[in-house]
Every structure is written in C-alpha cells, then in structure tokens.
C-alpha cells in the first residue's frame, strides 16, 4: 500500500511542477526562473515539515511528492543558462535568493513540525 501512495504522491509532485513551470516559464537566458525557485522553496518547507512526521508519511511525501516536485538538475540548468549567457549577476542573484529562501523555508517547516508532531 505504501508503494501505491508513494507513486501517487510522486505523480502529484510531477504534475504540480509541470504546471508551475508551464504557467511561469523563464523568458530568455537572463530572466529570473520563478517557477524553479517556487517549487524548490515549497519543497524545502515540506521537507522541513516532515522532520517529525511519522515514518511512512516522511517516505511518501518526502521521497514521493518532494522528490518529484523539487530538482537539483533544474537549478543547475537555470544557473548554467545564465552563466553561459554572460549573466553572472543574474546567476549569482538567483543562487543567493534560492539558498536563502530554501533555508528559511526549511527552518520554518522544521519549527512547525516540532509543534505539530511533538
């Protein structure tokens, strides 16, 4: 049963990611990749939220939903595009905002997790 839930969660994460990327595409090699930022920050929050959750919930939502929702390769691609377009400032800004927002989101999720599951 857990495998079915994992597959369903992964499908949901992939669909959410697809529609986010579809609705908020970066236009041009120097445009800010909002969709990639949003899905990765939301994923960081959800993973933080799962820290104190029951084991099966962590597996299904962490590996399934967040595994399909977030992506390191997407971040790498966005950085690569900006760097090779000569937009070093845009790449650095994106990376800085992504890391700061991701850490804040994860810490917020962890804080909320300790309140919900402890």
Protein backbone atom coordinates (compact mmCIF):
# COMPACT_ATOMS: atom_id res chain seq x y z
CA UNK A 1 0.00 0.00 0.00
CA UNK A 2 2.83 2.39 0.79
CA UNK A 3 4.24 1.93 -2.73
CA UNK A 4 0.90 2.97 -4.23
CA UNK A 5 0.84 6.07 -2.01
CA UNK A 6 4.45 6.85 -2.96
CA UNK A 7 3.66 6.61 -6.68
CA UNK A 8 0.55 8.77 -6.27
CA UNK A 9 2.50 11.40 -4.32
CA UNK A 10 5.25 11.41 -6.95
CA UNK A 11 2.68 11.82 -9.70
CA UNK A 12 1.13 14.74 -7.83
CA UNK A 13 4.55 16.37 -7.33
CA UNK A 14 5.39 15.98 -11.01
CA UNK A 15 2.06 17.46 -12.10
CA UNK A 16 2.43 20.43 -9.74
CA UNK A 17 5.95 21.04 -11.01
CA UNK A 18 4.85 20.79 -14.65
CA UNK A 19 2.00 23.26 -14.25
CA UNK A 20 4.17 25.68 -12.26
CA UNK A 21 6.85 25.61 -14.97
CA UNK A 22 4.20 25.87 -17.67
CA UNK A 23 2.50 28.91 -16.09
CA UNK A 24 5.71 30.73 -15.09
CA UNK A 25 8.32 29.98 -17.75
CA UNK A 26 11.55 31.99 -17.73
CA UNK A 27 11.70 34.05 -20.89
CA UNK A 28 15.25 34.31 -22.17
CA UNK A 29 18.52 33.17 -20.72
CA UNK A 30 18.72 36.04 -18.23
CA UNK A 31 15.10 36.01 -16.99
CA UNK A 32 14.54 35.07 -13.38
CA UNK A 33 13.45 31.39 -13.14
CA UNK A 34 10.50 31.93 -10.80
CA UNK A 35 8.94 28.51 -11.22
CA UNK A 36 12.11 26.61 -10.32
CA UNK A 37 12.57 28.86 -7.29
CA UNK A 38 8.97 28.38 -6.14
CA UNK A 39 8.90 24.58 -6.39
CA UNK A 40 12.25 24.20 -4.65
CA UNK A 41 11.38 26.57 -1.79
CA UNK A 42 7.98 24.92 -1.30
CA UNK A 43 9.73 21.53 -1.35
CA UNK A 44 12.22 22.71 1.28
CA UNK A 45 9.35 23.81 3.51
CA UNK A 46 7.52 20.50 3.09
CA UNK A 47 10.69 18.51 3.82
CA UNK A 48 11.25 20.59 6.96
CA UNK A 49 7.65 20.00 7.96
CA UNK A 50 8.18 16.24 7.63
CA UNK A 51 11.12 16.06 10.05
CA UNK A 52 8.99 14.93 12.99
CA UNK A 53 6.19 13.29 10.97
CA UNK A 54 5.54 9.54 11.17
CA UNK A 55 7.95 7.41 9.14
CA UNK A 56 5.51 6.35 6.41
CA UNK A 57 4.40 9.96 5.89
CA UNK A 58 8.05 11.06 5.59
CA UNK A 59 8.70 8.39 2.97
CA UNK A 60 5.59 9.05 0.89
CA UNK A 61 5.67 12.85 0.98
CA UNK A 62 9.42 13.31 1.25
CA UNK A 63 10.61 10.89 -1.39
CA UNK A 64 7.43 10.84 -3.47
CA UNK A 65 5.93 14.32 -3.51
CA UNK A 66 9.08 16.36 -2.84
CA UNK A 67 11.29 14.09 -4.92
CA UNK A 68 9.18 14.80 -7.98
CA UNK A 69 8.43 18.42 -7.10
CA UNK A 70 11.95 19.66 -6.47
CA UNK A 71 15.01 19.23 -8.62
CA UNK A 72 18.69 19.91 -8.33
CA UNK A 73 19.09 19.45 -12.07
CA UNK A 74 16.57 22.22 -12.74
CA UNK A 75 18.52 24.60 -10.55
CA UNK A 76 21.76 23.57 -12.23
CA UNK A 77 20.27 24.12 -15.67
CA UNK A 78 18.97 27.56 -14.75
CA UNK A 79 22.38 28.57 -13.39
CA UNK A 80 24.16 27.11 -16.42
CA UNK A 81 21.96 29.08 -18.83
CA UNK A 82 22.64 32.35 -17.06
CA UNK A 83 26.36 31.82 -16.71
CA UNK A 84 26.84 30.85 -20.37
CA UNK A 85 24.72 33.82 -21.46
CA UNK A 86 27.20 36.02 -19.60
CA UNK A 87 24.66 36.94 -16.92
CA UNK A 88 26.86 36.23 -13.93
CA UNK A 89 24.99 38.75 -11.77
CA UNK A 90 21.64 37.10 -12.59
CA UNK A 91 23.07 33.65 -11.82
CA UNK A 92 24.56 34.82 -8.52
CA UNK A 93 21.33 36.61 -7.54
CA UNK A 94 19.27 33.53 -8.35
CA UNK A 95 21.55 31.22 -6.38
CA UNK A 96 21.65 33.57 -3.38
CA UNK A 97 17.87 34.01 -3.30
CA UNK A 98 17.29 30.27 -3.78
CA UNK A 99 19.64 29.28 -0.95
CA UNK A 100 18.37 31.93 1.47
CA UNK A 101 14.69 31.26 0.74
CA UNK A 102 15.23 27.49 0.86
CA UNK A 103 16.96 27.65 4.23
CA UNK A 104 14.30 29.94 5.68
CA UNK A 105 11.55 27.68 4.32
CA UNK A 106 13.19 24.52 5.68
CA UNK A 107 13.78 26.08 9.10
CA UNK A 108 10.17 27.30 9.19
CA UNK A 109 8.96 23.81 8.30
CA UNK A 110 11.14 22.24 10.99
CA UNK A 111 9.81 24.71 13.58
CA UNK A 112 6.23 23.98 12.61
CA UNK A 113 6.93 20.23 12.54
CA UNK A 114 8.14 20.25 16.12
CA UNK A 115 4.89 21.95 17.15
CA UNK A 116 2.62 19.64 15.17
CA UNK A 117 4.20 16.24 15.79
CA UNK A 118 5.82 16.52 19.21
